[in-house]
Amino acid sequence: MYLILVTLFLVSLFGLRILTRKREGGVHFGVLVLGDVGHSPRINLHALSMANKLLNLNKAKREGPKDANGLNTVYLVTTGRVYLTLSLFTGITHLTHLIGYKGSKVADALTSHPLLRIHSIAPPSKIIASNPVRCELVWHGTRSNTILIRWRCEDESTAIPTLIIAQLLRLLRGTKLIIDWHNFGFSIMALGKGESNKIVNLQNDGILTINRYEITFGRYADAHLCVTKAMAHHLKTVFRVKGPVIVLYDRAPSHFHRLTLPDTSWTPDEDFSILLDALVHYDTHATPRHKNLVIVVTGKGPLKAHYLSKIPSLNLSPRVKVLTAWLTVEDYPKLLGAADLGVCLHTSSSGLDLPMKVVDMFGCGLPVAAVTYPCLAEEMVVDGVNGVLVRDGVGLGGVLLRLFDGKSGEEEVEELRKGTEAFQRERWDENWERCVGGLVV
């Protein structure tokens, strides 16, 4: 373990010596997500907003694209190895670089943008699958003026060196660093593992816990973004971060416009059994005046097969049908707009984040029935106004019985739909420009 970390450190320093060479050129943004690029809506919106910012900067200066000095460089630093790739994307003064794992289809708005380049890399499980602590750093930093990291460690991909290298790059090159705290890696990894797990708590090896690591190396940045006021308070009081802390609420993009539709990532912080219990409750107590339910479950994740295998044993009648779908970024809002109700099972590993799926649903004018927790109730879903809060499967089943009980149910659903209009008044572009636009240029 010590040898792995020492090797990582030495290799990282080698990369930094090259990355910190001063070069002339325009404004470059680096946006890094350690996850599926196509399935990272918040980071995609960040990248698109930054690219549009550069486009406006070009227009403001009345300058067209012109040759840049030198090749852009992509560095992939993993256990004991450095991969150096010379990019073919030269000749543009200003660029935004989006880096992450290749997976789902990326929206056309990103792939076709003239000032945005996407750099796909293999996930760590394919690179160092045998390691008990899978570490990977991806950096596009030859001339990056601003680096934005979406910080959320998923599964065992702890990305331990990422914050360290980002801090070194910030200090040695003077690059502006912005960390978007979507959640905390320690809380996600602790789900189902227990704090004594070797991946979550490395003190047996004399190494700081992931939680302490995040606090230590995530403390210093030019700005910290987060998704709730509660998380902002946590960053200020527990992490004691240096630099401004800005709450950047998730908002649906402008193309999201107006079935029962649950959306789940099939992870331990989303208990799908709540929905299964609710469907059994509905099927058992529904009367002839209640509507038939078509449940379209979107999303993918590690527990999908486990829960889907349980559905046949429920012996649901034909009035309740469950379908699954994995949709493109273009089709997803269309399905949301066609639904009558959204269902959110997210409970948050840290208790401090908000579910992006509810943002998407509200953006399409879709009210939601959601499993409650403090942040959700205080900062997003107003019970009886834009949605309904529940605690368990029986409670969710009761909500379904009420909302799909003939004409009275239709009227309540319509009132809840009207309640989402306030959320739709501000979209991502306006929200991002107000909260972040002044930080990056």
Foldseek 3Di string as FASTA:
>chain_A
DVLQVVLLVVVLVVVLVQLQDDFDFAAEEEEEEAAAPQPPVVSLLVLLLVLVLVVVVCVVVVHDFAFGPDFFWKWKGFRNDIDIDTDPDTGGRYAYEYEYAHDADHDPSQVVRPRYHYDHDHRQCVVCVVDQQGAIEIDGRNPHQEYEYEDEDAARHLNLCHLVSVVVSCVSRVRAYEYEDQDAHLLRHCQVQHCVHCSQQVCVVPDHGSVVSCLVSVQEGQEYEYAFPVVLVCCCPVSVHPHYYFHQHAAAAPPQAAQEEEEDQQGSQFPCVLQVLLQLLLQVPADPQFAQGEYEYEHYYDRVVVVVVCVVVSVGDNSYHYHYDYDRPVCVSVVLRVYLEYEYRGCGSRLGHDDNVVNSNLLHLHAYEYADGVRCCPPPDPDQQQYHYDHGNNRSSVLSNQLRRHPNNVVSSVRNSVSSVVSNPDGNSVSCCVGPVVPRD
